[in-house]
Amino acid sequence: MTVKVYNIKELVETKTSNKYTVMHQSELAIIEGTNGITIVSDAEAIHNVIKMDNPDKYISVSLYDQAEEGSFNIMPSKEAELSIDYITSEAKYRDVELNEFVRTFGSRIESNYRTLLKSIKEAGLNPNNYQRKVATNA
């Protein structure tokens, strides 16, 4: 099933006139459940489950100073708190199959994905709609 994947990197760079960028959370999938729960996931299936009636419904994003071309900063300069409403109204997105957005290598990521599927069920959605596609050799 497709999810909306929001371009956080472009949002931060545009809104800060290229003063800051993001590295690890350059894109985030936002999955809206049917029971007031929203899930925000990165490309490694590390995710937050947010009850939308909770006033603390912000995602923390590490901001890095833009470095000279050919280099990058390894330590973030500051943290930004972005609301789900802000992200969904201001950031560009693309529709992507969740199992294609989340990387496919390593047991840690596969474990994260299984936990993400449990959160999807908790959000009132059918996790079978988000299963990994198994490659077969013919």
C-alpha atoms as a PDB file:
ATOM      1  CA  MET A   1       0.000   0.000   0.000  1.00  0.00           C
ATOM      2  CA  THR A   2       1.247   3.480  -0.761  1.00  0.00           C
ATOM      3  CA  VAL A   3       2.109   6.072   1.844  1.00  0.00           C
ATOM      4  CA  LYS A   4       2.981   9.742   1.570  1.00  0.00           C
ATOM      5  CA  VAL A   5       6.731  10.320   1.905  1.00  0.00           C
ATOM      6  CA  TYR A   6       7.531  13.940   2.734  1.00  0.00           C
ATOM      7  CA  ASN A   7      10.760  15.675   1.682  1.00  0.00           C
ATOM      8  CA  ILE A   8      12.009  17.099   4.990  1.00  0.00           C
ATOM      9  CA  LYS A   9      15.424  18.052   3.602  1.00  0.00           C
ATOM     10  CA  GLU A  10      13.918  20.323   0.946  1.00  0.00           C
ATOM     11  CA  LEU A  11      11.452  21.784   3.464  1.00  0.00           C
ATOM     12  CA  VAL A  12      14.215  22.711   5.930  1.00  0.00           C
ATOM     13  CA  GLU A  13      16.544  24.087   3.257  1.00  0.00           C
ATOM     14  CA  THR A  14      13.774  26.180   1.678  1.00  0.00           C
ATOM     15  CA  LYS A  15      12.385  27.555   4.941  1.00  0.00           C
ATOM     16  CA  THR A  16      15.873  28.444   6.271  1.00  0.00           C
ATOM     17  CA  SER A  17      17.122  29.934   2.969  1.00  0.00           C
ATOM     18  CA  ASN A  18      19.717  27.124   2.794  1.00  0.00           C
ATOM     19  CA  LYS A  19      21.264  27.961   6.154  1.00  0.00           C
ATOM     20  CA  TYR A  20      20.445  24.459   7.475  1.00  0.00           C
ATOM     21  CA  THR A  21      19.972  20.981   6.080  1.00  0.00           C
ATOM     22  CA  VAL A  22      19.044  17.562   7.456  1.00  0.00           C
ATOM     23  CA  MET A  23      20.920  14.315   6.988  1.00  0.00           C
ATOM     24  CA  HIS A  24      19.306  11.319   8.662  1.00  0.00           C
ATOM     25  CA  GLN A  25      15.663  12.275   8.282  1.00  0.00           C
ATOM     26  CA  SER A  26      15.695  13.674   4.769  1.00  0.00           C
ATOM     27  CA  GLU A  27      12.400  11.938   4.041  1.00  0.00           C
ATOM     28  CA  LEU A  28       9.670  10.776   6.396  1.00  0.00           C
ATOM     29  CA  ALA A  29       6.654   8.573   5.682  1.00  0.00           C
ATOM     30  CA  ILE A  30       3.475   9.680   7.424  1.00  0.00           C
ATOM     31  CA  ILE A  31       0.837   6.992   7.830  1.00  0.00           C
ATOM     32  CA  GLU A  32      -2.532   8.198   9.121  1.00  0.00           C
ATOM     33  CA  GLY A  33      -4.495   5.557  10.978  1.00  0.00           C
ATOM     34  CA  THR A  34      -8.241   5.274  11.235  1.00  0.00           C
ATOM     35  CA  ASN A  35      -8.392   5.673  15.007  1.00  0.00           C
ATOM     36  CA  GLY A  36      -6.597   8.942  15.727  1.00  0.00           C
ATOM     37  CA  ILE A  37      -3.099   7.483  15.538  1.00  0.00           C
ATOM     38  CA  THR A  38      -0.471   8.686  13.070  1.00  0.00           C
ATOM     39  CA  ILE A  39       2.822   6.915  12.438  1.00  0.00           C
ATOM     40  CA  VAL A  40       5.937   8.762  11.266  1.00  0.00           C
ATOM     41  CA  SER A  41       8.727   6.548   9.911  1.00  0.00           C
ATOM     42  CA  ASP A  42      12.141   7.050   8.388  1.00  0.00           C
ATOM     43  CA  ALA A  43      13.681   4.845   5.683  1.00  0.00           C
ATOM     44  CA  GLU A  44      14.960   2.387   8.309  1.00  0.00           C
ATOM     45  CA  ALA A  45      11.461   1.857   9.793  1.00  0.00           C
ATOM     46  CA  ILE A  46      12.434   3.726  12.958  1.00  0.00           C
ATOM     47  CA  HIS A  47       9.135   5.334  13.793  1.00  0.00           C
ATOM     48  CA  ASN A  48       7.014   7.271  16.250  1.00  0.00           C
ATOM     49  CA  VAL A  49       3.405   6.452  17.044  1.00  0.00           C
ATOM     50  CA  ILE A  50       1.552   9.680  17.735  1.00  0.00           C
ATOM     51  CA  LYS A  51      -1.917   9.964  19.215  1.00  0.00           C
ATOM     52  CA  MET A  52      -3.291  12.997  17.437  1.00  0.00           C
ATOM     53  CA  ASP A  53      -5.276  14.139  20.482  1.00  0.00           C
ATOM     54  CA  ASN A  54      -1.930  14.483  22.300  1.00  0.00           C
ATOM     55  CA  PRO A  55      -0.773  18.125  22.312  1.00  0.00           C
ATOM     56  CA  ASP A  56       2.847  16.919  22.052  1.00  0.00           C
ATOM     57  CA  LYS A  57       2.562  15.782  18.437  1.00  0.00           C
ATOM     58  CA  TYR A  58       5.872  17.083  17.149  1.00  0.00           C
ATOM     59  CA  ILE A  59       8.730  15.374  15.377  1.00  0.00           C
ATOM     60  CA  SER A  60      12.238  16.376  16.415  1.00  0.00           C
ATOM     61  CA  VAL A  61      14.582  16.899  13.456  1.00  0.00           C
ATOM     62  CA  SER A  62      18.331  17.506  13.751  1.00  0.00           C
ATOM     63  CA  LEU A  63      19.485  20.522  11.739  1.00  0.00           C
ATOM     64  CA  TYR A  64      23.001  20.817  10.366  1.00  0.00           C
ATOM     65  CA  ASP A  65      24.730  23.970   9.171  1.00  0.00           C
ATOM     66  CA  GLN A  66      25.178  23.867   5.428  1.00  0.00           C
ATOM     67  CA  ALA A  67      28.825  23.008   4.766  1.00  0.00           C
ATOM     68  CA  GLU A  68      31.049  23.968   1.901  1.00  0.00           C
ATOM     69  CA  GLU A  69      30.650  21.861  -1.213  1.00  0.00           C
ATOM     70  CA  GLY A  70      32.428  18.542  -0.872  1.00  0.00           C
ATOM     71  CA  SER A  71      32.215  18.435   2.940  1.00  0.00           C
ATOM     72  CA  PHE A  72      29.604  17.974   5.626  1.00  0.00           C
ATOM     73  CA  ASN A  73      29.172  18.648   9.323  1.00  0.00           C
ATOM     74  CA  ILE A  74      28.965  15.596  11.554  1.00  0.00           C
ATOM     75  CA  MET A  75      27.301  17.280  14.533  1.00  0.00           C
ATOM     76  CA  PRO A  76      23.883  18.935  14.360  1.00  0.00           C
ATOM     77  CA  SER A  77      23.656  22.656  15.080  1.00  0.00           C
ATOM     78  CA  LYS A  78      20.176  22.570  16.599  1.00  0.00           C
ATOM     79  CA  GLU A  79      16.954  20.645  16.841  1.00  0.00           C
ATOM     80  CA  ALA A  80      13.681  21.688  15.237  1.00  0.00           C
ATOM     81  CA  GLU A  81      10.247  20.570  16.419  1.00  0.00           C
ATOM     82  CA  LEU A  82       7.977  20.106  13.396  1.00  0.00           C
ATOM     83  CA  SER A  83       4.285  19.393  13.795  1.00  0.00           C
ATOM     84  CA  ILE A  84       2.549  16.788  11.671  1.00  0.00           C
ATOM     85  CA  ASP A  85       0.204  19.514  10.411  1.00  0.00           C
ATOM     86  CA  TYR A  86       3.164  21.701   9.407  1.00  0.00           C
ATOM     87  CA  ILE A  87       4.908  18.870   7.566  1.00  0.00           C
ATOM     88  CA  THR A  88       1.801  17.766   5.691  1.00  0.00           C
ATOM     89  CA  SER A  89       0.860  21.312   4.693  1.00  0.00           C
ATOM     90  CA  GLU A  90       4.320  22.670   3.803  1.00  0.00           C
ATOM     91  CA  ALA A  91       6.507  19.783   2.562  1.00  0.00           C
ATOM     92  CA  LYS A  92       6.379  18.223  -0.878  1.00  0.00           C
ATOM     93  CA  TYR A  93       5.545  14.551  -0.908  1.00  0.00           C
ATOM     94  CA  ARG A  94       5.491  11.551  -3.178  1.00  0.00           C
ATOM     95  CA  ASP A  95       3.337   8.431  -2.985  1.00  0.00           C
ATOM     96  CA  VAL A  96       5.495   5.338  -2.448  1.00  0.00           C
ATOM     97  CA  GLU A  97       4.884   1.735  -1.460  1.00  0.00           C
ATOM     98  CA  LEU A  98       5.953   1.523   2.193  1.00  0.00           C
ATOM     99  CA  ASN A  99       7.911  -1.670   1.564  1.00  0.00           C
ATOM    100  CA  GLU A 100       9.889   0.158  -1.154  1.00  0.00           C
ATOM    101  CA  PHE A 101      10.553   3.239   0.989  1.00  0.00           C
ATOM    102  CA  VAL A 102      12.042   1.264   3.882  1.00  0.00           C
ATOM    103  CA  ARG A 103      15.486  -0.094   3.081  1.00  0.00           C
ATOM    104  CA  THR A 104      15.742  -3.845   2.678  1.00  0.00           C
ATOM    105  CA  PHE A 105      19.105  -4.887   4.074  1.00  0.00           C
ATOM    106  CA  GLY A 106      20.037  -6.101   7.519  1.00  0.00           C
ATOM    107  CA  SER A 107      18.265  -7.927  10.315  1.00  0.00           C
ATOM    108  CA  ARG A 108      17.950  -4.722  12.386  1.00  0.00           C
ATOM    109  CA  ILE A 109      15.940  -3.001   9.661  1.00  0.00           C
ATOM    110  CA  GLU A 110      13.774  -6.082   9.153  1.00  0.00           C
ATOM    111  CA  SER A 111      13.121  -6.152  12.908  1.00  0.00           C
ATOM    112  CA  ASN A 112      12.234  -2.432  12.766  1.00  0.00           C
ATOM    113  CA  TYR A 113       9.844  -3.166   9.878  1.00  0.00           C
ATOM    114  CA  ARG A 114       8.067  -5.906  11.853  1.00  0.00           C
ATOM    115  CA  THR A 115       7.645  -3.460  14.745  1.00  0.00           C
ATOM    116  CA  LEU A 116       6.342  -0.840  12.286  1.00  0.00           C
ATOM    117  CA  LEU A 117       3.724  -3.341  11.066  1.00  0.00           C
ATOM    118  CA  LYS A 118       2.574  -3.828  14.670  1.00  0.00           C
ATOM    119  CA  SER A 119       2.208  -0.053  14.993  1.00  0.00           C
ATOM    120  CA  ILE A 120       0.222   0.048  11.748  1.00  0.00           C
ATOM    121  CA  LYS A 121      -2.188  -2.493  13.243  1.00  0.00           C
ATOM    122  CA  GLU A 122      -2.397  -0.385  16.429  1.00  0.00           C
ATOM    123  CA  ALA A 123      -3.331   2.583  14.222  1.00  0.00           C
ATOM    124  CA  GLY A 124      -6.384   0.683  12.986  1.00  0.00           C
ATOM    125  CA  LEU A 125      -4.955  -0.262   9.595  1.00  0.00           C
ATOM    126  CA  ASN A 126      -4.409  -3.705   8.078  1.00  0.00           C
ATOM    127  CA  PRO A 127      -0.678  -4.562   8.285  1.00  0.00           C
ATOM    128  CA  ASN A 128      -1.156  -7.138   5.497  1.00  0.00           C
ATOM    129  CA  ASN A 129      -1.498  -4.195   3.104  1.00  0.00           C
ATOM    130  CA  TYR A 130       2.088  -3.126   3.918  1.00  0.00           C
ATOM    131  CA  GLN A 131       3.942  -6.475   3.797  1.00  0.00           C
ATOM    132  CA  ARG A 132       7.331  -6.853   2.162  1.00  0.00           C
ATOM    133  CA  LYS A 133       7.314  -8.311  -1.311  1.00  0.00           C
ATOM    134  CA  VAL A 134       9.369 -11.480  -1.387  1.00  0.00           C
ATOM    135  CA  ALA A 135      11.651 -11.800  -4.395  1.00  0.00           C
ATOM    136  CA  THR A 136      11.686 -15.206  -6.041  1.00  0.00           C
ATOM    137  CA  ASN A 137      14.280 -16.618  -8.361  1.00  0.00           C
ATOM    138  CA  ALA A 138      12.642 -18.239 -11.365  1.00  0.00           C
END
